[in-house]
Amino acid sequence: MHSAMRTGLTMTGTTLAALMAMYITSSFGGVETLATISLILFVGLIGDLISTWCTNAVALLWIVRRRKK
């Protein structure tokens, strides 16, 4: 679980950084559509991060521990 979490957070962190760079660049460049798309993807990825590690991971751990008994 720890290894999977570290990999997932690394991938999500780099994607968040890329989306933020895209948002900043497109905002200063005047490309409003690209700025909006990158901001929506950024917010969606934050929601996915919360959903994955606060909900799904806890449920999976609960199921695995329950099966061991």
Protein backbone atom coordinates (compact mmCIF):
# COMPACT_ATOMS: atom_id res chain seq x y z
CA MET A 1 0.00 0.00 0.00
CA HIS A 2 2.83 2.39 0.87
CA SER A 3 4.62 1.79 -2.41
CA ALA A 4 1.44 2.25 -4.44
CA MET A 5 0.61 5.42 -2.54
CA ARG A 6 4.06 6.88 -3.12
CA THR A 7 3.87 6.13 -6.84
CA GLY A 8 0.36 7.52 -7.16
CA LEU A 9 1.18 10.70 -5.26
CA THR A 10 4.32 11.23 -7.35
CA MET A 11 2.38 10.88 -10.58
CA THR A 12 -0.41 13.14 -9.34
CA GLY A 13 2.04 15.73 -8.05
CA THR A 14 3.88 15.99 -11.36
CA THR A 15 0.60 16.26 -13.25
CA LEU A 16 -0.63 18.98 -10.89
CA ALA A 17 2.61 20.90 -11.42
CA ALA A 18 2.29 20.58 -15.20
CA LEU A 19 -1.32 21.74 -15.13
CA MET A 20 -0.43 24.73 -12.97
CA ALA A 21 2.39 25.65 -15.35
CA MET A 22 -0.01 25.34 -18.28
CA TYR A 23 -2.56 27.53 -16.49
CA ILE A 24 -0.03 30.25 -15.68
CA THR A 25 1.49 30.21 -19.15
CA SER A 26 -1.85 30.30 -20.94
CA SER A 27 -3.18 33.03 -18.64
CA PHE A 28 -0.24 35.30 -19.35
CA GLY A 29 -0.34 34.36 -23.03
CA GLY A 30 -3.99 35.29 -23.33
CA VAL A 31 -5.25 31.82 -24.30
CA GLU A 32 -8.41 31.82 -22.20
CA THR A 33 -9.75 28.46 -23.38
CA LEU A 34 -6.55 26.61 -22.48
CA ALA A 35 -6.41 28.35 -19.10
CA THR A 36 -9.97 27.25 -18.33
CA ILE A 37 -9.32 23.67 -19.41
CA SER A 38 -6.16 23.43 -17.28
CA LEU A 39 -7.93 24.88 -14.24
CA ILE A 40 -10.82 22.41 -14.57
CA LEU A 41 -8.40 19.50 -14.91
CA PHE A 42 -6.45 20.75 -11.87
CA VAL A 43 -9.57 20.88 -9.69
CA GLY A 44 -10.72 17.49 -10.98
CA LEU A 45 -7.37 15.93 -10.17
CA ILE A 46 -7.51 17.28 -6.62
CA GLY A 47 -10.96 15.70 -6.28
CA ASP A 48 -9.64 12.43 -7.64
CA LEU A 49 -6.75 12.50 -5.19
CA ILE A 50 -9.11 12.94 -2.25
CA SER A 51 -11.47 10.29 -3.56
CA THR A 52 -8.74 7.74 -4.19
CA TRP A 53 -6.73 8.01 -1.01
CA CYS A 54 -9.37 9.01 1.52
CA THR A 55 -12.20 6.77 0.39
CA ASN A 56 -11.17 3.93 -1.89
CA ALA A 57 -7.89 3.10 -0.16
CA VAL A 58 -9.55 2.91 3.25
CA ALA A 59 -12.30 0.67 1.87
CA LEU A 60 -9.78 -1.65 0.22
CA LEU A 61 -7.73 -1.95 3.40
CA TRP A 62 -10.88 -2.75 5.35
CA ILE A 63 -11.85 -5.49 2.87
CA VAL A 64 -8.36 -7.05 2.89
CA ARG A 65 -8.16 -7.08 6.70
CA ARG A 66 -11.64 -8.56 6.92
CA ARG A 67 -10.74 -11.41 4.54
CA LYS A 68 -7.64 -12.32 6.57
CA LYS A 69 -9.81 -13.11 9.60
